[in-house]
Amino acid sequence: MDVRGHTEPAFFLPAPSSRGAIPAEWILARAYLKAGKFRECADLCEQALKRFPNHAGVLETLDKARSSGK
């Protein structure tokens, strides 16, 4: 197969949008929750809620961090 002159990208990544996006802060917050770092988890969830208000997963993780950190 001759690939010379092939100018199309090998893959296409759609532009990020708020709909359907996963907050990076939430991913890290879940890792902190598993590690038992509840304060750091809550801080990251609060940051994620600034960008994604009412995100169900972030709210659930924040509730778990707050209840476990007592």
PDB file of N, CA and C in Angstrom:
ATOM      1  N   MET A   1       0.845  -1.170   0.000  1.00  0.00           N
ATOM      2  CA  MET A   1       0.000   0.000   0.000  1.00  0.00           C
ATOM      3  C   MET A   1       0.888   1.229   0.000  1.00  0.00           C
ATOM      4  N   ASP A   2       0.624   2.140  -0.881  1.00  0.00           N
ATOM      5  CA  ASP A   2       1.400   3.360  -0.996  1.00  0.00           C
ATOM      6  C   ASP A   2       0.713   4.460  -0.188  1.00  0.00           C
ATOM      7  N   VAL A   3       1.421   5.032   0.791  1.00  0.00           N
ATOM      8  CA  VAL A   3       0.825   6.055   1.636  1.00  0.00           C
ATOM      9  C   VAL A   3       1.380   7.446   1.344  1.00  0.00           C
ATOM     10  N   ARG A   4       2.229   7.568   0.341  1.00  0.00           N
ATOM     11  CA  ARG A   4       2.762   8.887   0.005  1.00  0.00           C
ATOM     12  C   ARG A   4       1.637   9.791  -0.466  1.00  0.00           C
ATOM     13  N   GLY A   5       1.655  11.011  -0.003  1.00  0.00           N
ATOM     14  CA  GLY A   5       0.623  11.958  -0.387  1.00  0.00           C
ATOM     15  C   GLY A   5      -0.642  11.850   0.442  1.00  0.00           C
ATOM     16  N   HIS A   6      -0.630  10.999   1.397  1.00  0.00           N
ATOM     17  CA  HIS A   6      -1.799  10.825   2.267  1.00  0.00           C
ATOM     18  C   HIS A   6      -1.844  11.990   3.249  1.00  0.00           C
ATOM     19  N   THR A   7      -2.822  12.849   3.139  1.00  0.00           N
ATOM     20  CA  THR A   7      -2.876  14.040   3.980  1.00  0.00           C
ATOM     21  C   THR A   7      -4.000  14.020   5.001  1.00  0.00           C
ATOM     22  N   GLU A   8      -4.841  13.020   4.989  1.00  0.00           N
ATOM     23  CA  GLU A   8      -5.926  12.961   5.956  1.00  0.00           C
ATOM     24  C   GLU A   8      -5.383  12.546   7.312  1.00  0.00           C
ATOM     25  N   PRO A   9      -5.960  13.090   8.395  1.00  0.00           N
ATOM     26  CA  PRO A   9      -5.500  12.685   9.723  1.00  0.00           C
ATOM     27  C   PRO A   9      -5.846  11.220   9.987  1.00  0.00           C
ATOM     28  N   ALA A  10      -5.024  10.582  10.792  1.00  0.00           N
ATOM     29  CA  ALA A  10      -5.246   9.180  11.113  1.00  0.00           C
ATOM     30  C   ALA A  10      -6.478   8.991  11.991  1.00  0.00           C
ATOM     31  N   PHE A  11      -6.816   9.983  12.741  1.00  0.00           N
ATOM     32  CA  PHE A  11      -7.992   9.913  13.591  1.00  0.00           C
ATOM     33  C   PHE A  11      -8.554  11.312  13.741  1.00  0.00           C
ATOM     34  N   PHE A  12      -9.776  11.393  14.163  1.00  0.00           N
ATOM     35  CA  PHE A  12     -10.437  12.683  14.330  1.00  0.00           C
ATOM     36  C   PHE A  12     -10.917  12.800  15.762  1.00  0.00           C
ATOM     37  N   LEU A  13     -10.503  13.843  16.431  1.00  0.00           N
ATOM     38  CA  LEU A  13     -10.978  14.120  17.776  1.00  0.00           C
ATOM     39  C   LEU A  13     -11.927  15.312  17.711  1.00  0.00           C
ATOM     40  N   PRO A  14     -13.163  15.136  18.112  1.00  0.00           N
ATOM     41  CA  PRO A  14     -14.088  16.264  18.065  1.00  0.00           C
ATOM     42  C   PRO A  14     -13.688  17.337  19.073  1.00  0.00           C
ATOM     43  N   ALA A  15     -14.084  18.539  18.804  1.00  0.00           N
ATOM     44  CA  ALA A  15     -13.786  19.637  19.716  1.00  0.00           C
ATOM     45  C   ALA A  15     -14.500  19.401  21.038  1.00  0.00           C
ATOM     46  N   PRO A  16     -13.821  19.693  22.138  1.00  0.00           N
ATOM     47  CA  PRO A  16     -14.468  19.484  23.440  1.00  0.00           C
ATOM     48  C   PRO A  16     -15.632  20.449  23.617  1.00  0.00           C
ATOM     49  N   SER A  17     -16.669  19.973  24.221  1.00  0.00           N
ATOM     50  CA  SER A  17     -17.824  20.809  24.520  1.00  0.00           C
ATOM     51  C   SER A  17     -18.318  20.457  25.912  1.00  0.00           C
ATOM     52  N   SER A  18     -19.118  21.297  26.461  1.00  0.00           N
ATOM     53  CA  SER A  18     -19.610  21.038  27.807  1.00  0.00           C
ATOM     54  C   SER A  18     -20.614  19.891  27.827  1.00  0.00           C
ATOM     55  N   ARG A  19     -21.284  19.631  26.714  1.00  0.00           N
ATOM     56  CA  ARG A  19     -22.246  18.533  26.666  1.00  0.00           C
ATOM     57  C   ARG A  19     -21.501  17.214  26.478  1.00  0.00           C
ATOM     58  N   GLY A  20     -21.668  16.318  27.420  1.00  0.00           N
ATOM     59  CA  GLY A  20     -21.057  15.002  27.310  1.00  0.00           C
ATOM     60  C   GLY A  20     -19.598  14.957  27.708  1.00  0.00           C
ATOM     61  N   ALA A  21     -19.037  16.076  28.133  1.00  0.00           N
ATOM     62  CA  ALA A  21     -17.633  16.089  28.523  1.00  0.00           C
ATOM     63  C   ALA A  21     -17.485  15.565  29.944  1.00  0.00           C
ATOM     64  N   ILE A  22     -16.359  14.964  30.199  1.00  0.00           N
ATOM     65  CA  ILE A  22     -16.063  14.456  31.538  1.00  0.00           C
ATOM     66  C   ILE A  22     -15.068  15.411  32.183  1.00  0.00           C
ATOM     67  N   PRO A  23     -15.429  16.005  33.326  1.00  0.00           N
ATOM     68  CA  PRO A  23     -14.502  16.922  33.982  1.00  0.00           C
ATOM     69  C   PRO A  23     -13.243  16.197  34.447  1.00  0.00           C
ATOM     70  N   ALA A  24     -12.097  16.741  34.078  1.00  0.00           N
ATOM     71  CA  ALA A  24     -10.824  16.140  34.497  1.00  0.00           C
ATOM     72  C   ALA A  24     -10.675  16.186  36.014  1.00  0.00           C
ATOM     73  N   GLU A  25     -11.220  17.234  36.616  1.00  0.00           N
ATOM     74  CA  GLU A  25     -11.155  17.352  38.077  1.00  0.00           C
ATOM     75  C   GLU A  25     -11.894  16.202  38.750  1.00  0.00           C
ATOM     76  N   TRP A  26     -12.973  15.752  38.123  1.00  0.00           N
ATOM     77  CA  TRP A  26     -13.761  14.670  38.700  1.00  0.00           C
ATOM     78  C   TRP A  26     -12.991  13.356  38.668  1.00  0.00           C
ATOM     79  N   ILE A  27     -12.278  13.116  37.590  1.00  0.00           N
ATOM     80  CA  ILE A  27     -11.484  11.893  37.483  1.00  0.00           C
ATOM     81  C   ILE A  27     -10.430  11.855  38.582  1.00  0.00           C
ATOM     82  N   LEU A  28      -9.743  12.978  38.771  1.00  0.00           N
ATOM     83  CA  LEU A  28      -8.734  13.053  39.827  1.00  0.00           C
ATOM     84  C   LEU A  28      -9.378  12.979  41.208  1.00  0.00           C
ATOM     85  N   ALA A  29     -10.543  13.587  41.361  1.00  0.00           N
ATOM     86  CA  ALA A  29     -11.243  13.557  42.645  1.00  0.00           C
ATOM     87  C   ALA A  29     -11.623  12.128  43.036  1.00  0.00           C
ATOM     88  N   ARG A  30     -12.041  11.330  42.068  1.00  0.00           N
ATOM     89  CA  ARG A  30     -12.371   9.929  42.373  1.00  0.00           C
ATOM     90  C   ARG A  30     -11.138   9.152  42.817  1.00  0.00           C
ATOM     91  N   ALA A  31      -9.987   9.477  42.234  1.00  0.00           N
ATOM     92  CA  ALA A  31      -8.747   8.822  42.661  1.00  0.00           C
ATOM     93  C   ALA A  31      -8.406   9.223  44.094  1.00  0.00           C
ATOM     94  N   TYR A  32      -8.591  10.501  44.421  1.00  0.00           N
ATOM     95  CA  TYR A  32      -8.351  10.955  45.798  1.00  0.00           C
ATOM     96  C   TYR A  32      -9.320  10.286  46.760  1.00  0.00           C
ATOM     97  N   LEU A  33     -10.567  10.095  46.341  1.00  0.00           N
ATOM     98  CA  LEU A  33     -11.551   9.445  47.203  1.00  0.00           C
ATOM     99  C   LEU A  33     -11.142   8.009  47.512  1.00  0.00           C
ATOM    100  N   LYS A  34     -10.674   7.294  46.490  1.00  0.00           N
ATOM    101  CA  LYS A  34     -10.217   5.915  46.700  1.00  0.00           C
ATOM    102  C   LYS A  34      -8.999   5.860  47.611  1.00  0.00           C
ATOM    103  N   ALA A  35      -8.156   6.910  47.551  1.00  0.00           N
ATOM    104  CA  ALA A  35      -6.944   6.947  48.370  1.00  0.00           C
ATOM    105  C   ALA A  35      -7.215   7.436  49.786  1.00  0.00           C
ATOM    106  N   GLY A  36      -8.442   7.872  50.060  1.00  0.00           N
ATOM    107  CA  GLY A  36      -8.778   8.340  51.395  1.00  0.00           C
ATOM    108  C   GLY A  36      -8.442   9.797  51.643  1.00  0.00           C
ATOM    109  N   LYS A  37      -8.155  10.554  50.601  1.00  0.00           N
ATOM    110  CA  LYS A  37      -7.853  11.980  50.735  1.00  0.00           C
ATOM    111  C   LYS A  37      -9.142  12.762  50.469  1.00  0.00           C
ATOM    112  N   PHE A  38      -9.971  12.822  51.510  1.00  0.00           N
ATOM    113  CA  PHE A  38     -11.313  13.349  51.349  1.00  0.00           C
ATOM    114  C   PHE A  38     -11.340  14.861  51.148  1.00  0.00           C
ATOM    115  N   ARG A  39     -10.456  15.605  51.821  1.00  0.00           N
ATOM    116  CA  ARG A  39     -10.435  17.070  51.666  1.00  0.00           C
ATOM    117  C   ARG A  39     -10.038  17.456  50.246  1.00  0.00           C
ATOM    118  N   GLU A  40      -9.004  16.800  49.711  1.00  0.00           N
ATOM    119  CA  GLU A  40      -8.564  17.084  48.347  1.00  0.00           C
ATOM    120  C   GLU A  40      -9.647  16.715  47.340  1.00  0.00           C
ATOM    121  N   CYS A  41     -10.331  15.625  47.596  1.00  0.00           N
ATOM    122  CA  CYS A  41     -11.424  15.181  46.731  1.00  0.00           C
ATOM    123  C   CYS A  41     -12.525  16.228  46.701  1.00  0.00           C
ATOM    124  N   ALA A  42     -12.910  16.730  47.860  1.00  0.00           N
ATOM    125  CA  ALA A  42     -13.970  17.735  47.936  1.00  0.00           C
ATOM    126  C   ALA A  42     -13.551  19.025  47.222  1.00  0.00           C
ATOM    127  N   ASP A  43     -12.291  19.411  47.385  1.00  0.00           N
ATOM    128  CA  ASP A  43     -11.807  20.627  46.709  1.00  0.00           C
ATOM    129  C   ASP A  43     -11.899  20.495  45.193  1.00  0.00           C
ATOM    130  N   LEU A  44     -11.495  19.359  44.665  1.00  0.00           N
ATOM    131  CA  LEU A  44     -11.546  19.154  43.224  1.00  0.00           C
ATOM    132  C   LEU A  44     -12.986  19.070  42.715  1.00  0.00           C
ATOM    133  N   CYS A  45     -13.859  18.483  43.493  1.00  0.00           N
ATOM    134  CA  CYS A  45     -15.267  18.430  43.095  1.00  0.00           C
ATOM    135  C   CYS A  45     -15.864  19.830  43.029  1.00  0.00           C
ATOM    136  N   GLU A  46     -15.497  20.675  43.979  1.00  0.00           N
ATOM    137  CA  GLU A  46     -15.991  22.047  43.955  1.00  0.00           C
ATOM    138  C   GLU A  46     -15.476  22.793  42.730  1.00  0.00           C
ATOM    139  N   GLN A  47     -14.231  22.547  42.344  1.00  0.00           N
ATOM    140  CA  GLN A  47     -13.692  23.166  41.125  1.00  0.00           C
ATOM    141  C   GLN A  47     -14.445  22.666  39.891  1.00  0.00           C
ATOM    142  N   ALA A  48     -14.738  21.372  39.857  1.00  0.00           N
ATOM    143  CA  ALA A  48     -15.454  20.804  38.714  1.00  0.00           C
ATOM    144  C   ALA A  48     -16.871  21.358  38.621  1.00  0.00           C
ATOM    145  N   LEU A  49     -17.493  21.611  39.766  1.00  0.00           N
ATOM    146  CA  LEU A  49     -18.862  22.138  39.758  1.00  0.00           C
ATOM    147  C   LEU A  49     -18.918  23.576  39.257  1.00  0.00           C
ATOM    148  N   LYS A  50     -17.809  24.292  39.315  1.00  0.00           N
ATOM    149  CA  LYS A  50     -17.783  25.644  38.758  1.00  0.00           C
ATOM    150  C   LYS A  50     -17.930  25.589  37.239  1.00  0.00           C
ATOM    151  N   ARG A  51     -17.297  24.578  36.623  1.00  0.00           N
ATOM    152  CA  ARG A  51     -17.380  24.433  35.165  1.00  0.00           C
ATOM    153  C   ARG A  51     -18.596  23.637  34.729  1.00  0.00           C
ATOM    154  N   PHE A  52     -18.980  22.654  35.522  1.00  0.00           N
ATOM    155  CA  PHE A  52     -20.089  21.758  35.182  1.00  0.00           C
ATOM    156  C   PHE A  52     -21.089  21.726  36.343  1.00  0.00           C
ATOM    157  N   PRO A  53     -21.889  22.775  36.498  1.00  0.00           N
ATOM    158  CA  PRO A  53     -22.862  22.762  37.595  1.00  0.00           C
ATOM    159  C   PRO A  53     -23.896  21.651  37.392  1.00  0.00           C
ATOM    160  N   ASN A  54     -24.280  21.037  38.465  1.00  0.00           N
ATOM    161  CA  ASN A  54     -25.299  19.977  38.473  1.00  0.00           C
ATOM    162  C   ASN A  54     -24.849  18.704  37.768  1.00  0.00           C
ATOM    163  N   HIS A  55     -23.563  18.450  37.659  1.00  0.00           N
ATOM    164  CA  HIS A  55     -23.069  17.189  37.092  1.00  0.00           C
ATOM    165  C   HIS A  55     -23.306  16.107  38.142  1.00  0.00           C
ATOM    166  N   ALA A  56     -24.103  15.110  37.796  1.00  0.00           N
ATOM    167  CA  ALA A  56     -24.545  14.099  38.763  1.00  0.00           C
ATOM    168  C   ALA A  56     -23.377  13.345  39.392  1.00  0.00           C
ATOM    169  N   GLY A  57     -22.387  12.964  38.596  1.00  0.00           N
ATOM    170  CA  GLY A  57     -21.252  12.215  39.130  1.00  0.00           C
ATOM    171  C   GLY A  57     -20.414  13.033  40.084  1.00  0.00           C
ATOM    172  N   VAL A  58     -20.227  14.303  39.755  1.00  0.00           N
ATOM    173  CA  VAL A  58     -19.439  15.178  40.629  1.00  0.00           C
ATOM    174  C   VAL A  58     -20.174  15.400  41.943  1.00  0.00           C
ATOM    175  N   LEU A  59     -21.474  15.615  41.868  1.00  0.00           N
ATOM    176  CA  LEU A  59     -22.258  15.817  43.089  1.00  0.00           C
ATOM    177  C   LEU A  59     -22.223  14.580  43.981  1.00  0.00           C
ATOM    178  N   GLU A  60     -22.320  13.417  43.374  1.00  0.00           N
ATOM    179  CA  GLU A  60     -22.285  12.162  44.149  1.00  0.00           C
ATOM    180  C   GLU A  60     -20.923  11.966  44.815  1.00  0.00           C
ATOM    181  N   THR A  61     -19.852  12.239  44.081  1.00  0.00           N
ATOM    182  CA  THR A  61     -18.503  12.097  44.633  1.00  0.00           C
ATOM    183  C   THR A  61     -18.286  13.095  45.757  1.00  0.00           C
ATOM    184  N   LEU A  62     -18.790  14.310  45.590  1.00  0.00           N
ATOM    185  CA  LEU A  62     -18.665  15.331  46.635  1.00  0.00           C
ATOM    186  C   LEU A  62     -19.401  14.903  47.899  1.00  0.00           C
ATOM    187  N   ASP A  63     -20.589  14.334  47.745  1.00  0.00           N
ATOM    188  CA  ASP A  63     -21.340  13.849  48.916  1.00  0.00           C
ATOM    189  C   ASP A  63     -20.596  12.733  49.633  1.00  0.00           C
ATOM    190  N   LYS A  64     -20.010  11.818  48.871  1.00  0.00           N
ATOM    191  CA  LYS A  64     -19.247  10.729  49.480  1.00  0.00           C
ATOM    192  C   LYS A  64     -18.026  11.254  50.223  1.00  0.00           C
ATOM    193  N   ALA A  65     -17.343  12.232  49.634  1.00  0.00           N
ATOM    194  CA  ALA A  65     -16.154  12.801  50.279  1.00  0.00           C
ATOM    195  C   ALA A  65     -16.533  13.513  51.571  1.00  0.00           C
ATOM    196  N   ARG A  66     -17.618  14.257  51.529  1.00  0.00           N
ATOM    197  CA  ARG A  66     -18.041  14.990  52.725  1.00  0.00           C
ATOM    198  C   ARG A  66     -18.502  14.050  53.840  1.00  0.00           C
ATOM    199  N   SER A  67     -19.220  12.982  53.469  1.00  0.00           N
ATOM    200  CA  SER A  67     -19.700  12.054  54.486  1.00  0.00           C
ATOM    201  C   SER A  67     -18.577  11.186  55.052  1.00  0.00           C
ATOM    202  N   SER A  68     -17.583  10.876  54.239  1.00  0.00           N
ATOM    203  CA  SER A  68     -16.473  10.041  54.693  1.00  0.00           C
ATOM    204  C   SER A  68     -15.437  10.845  55.467  1.00  0.00           C
ATOM    205  N   GLY A  69     -15.380  12.131  55.225  1.00  0.00           N
ATOM    206  CA  GLY A  69     -14.362  12.955  55.864  1.00  0.00           C
ATOM    207  C   GLY A  69     -14.687  13.378  57.276  1.00  0.00           C
ATOM    208  N   LYS A  70     -15.847  13.000  57.779  1.00  0.00           N
ATOM    209  CA  LYS A  70     -16.249  13.421  59.136  1.00  0.00           C
ATOM    210  C   LYS A  70     -15.517  12.657  60.193  1.00  0.00           C
TER     211      LYS A  70
END
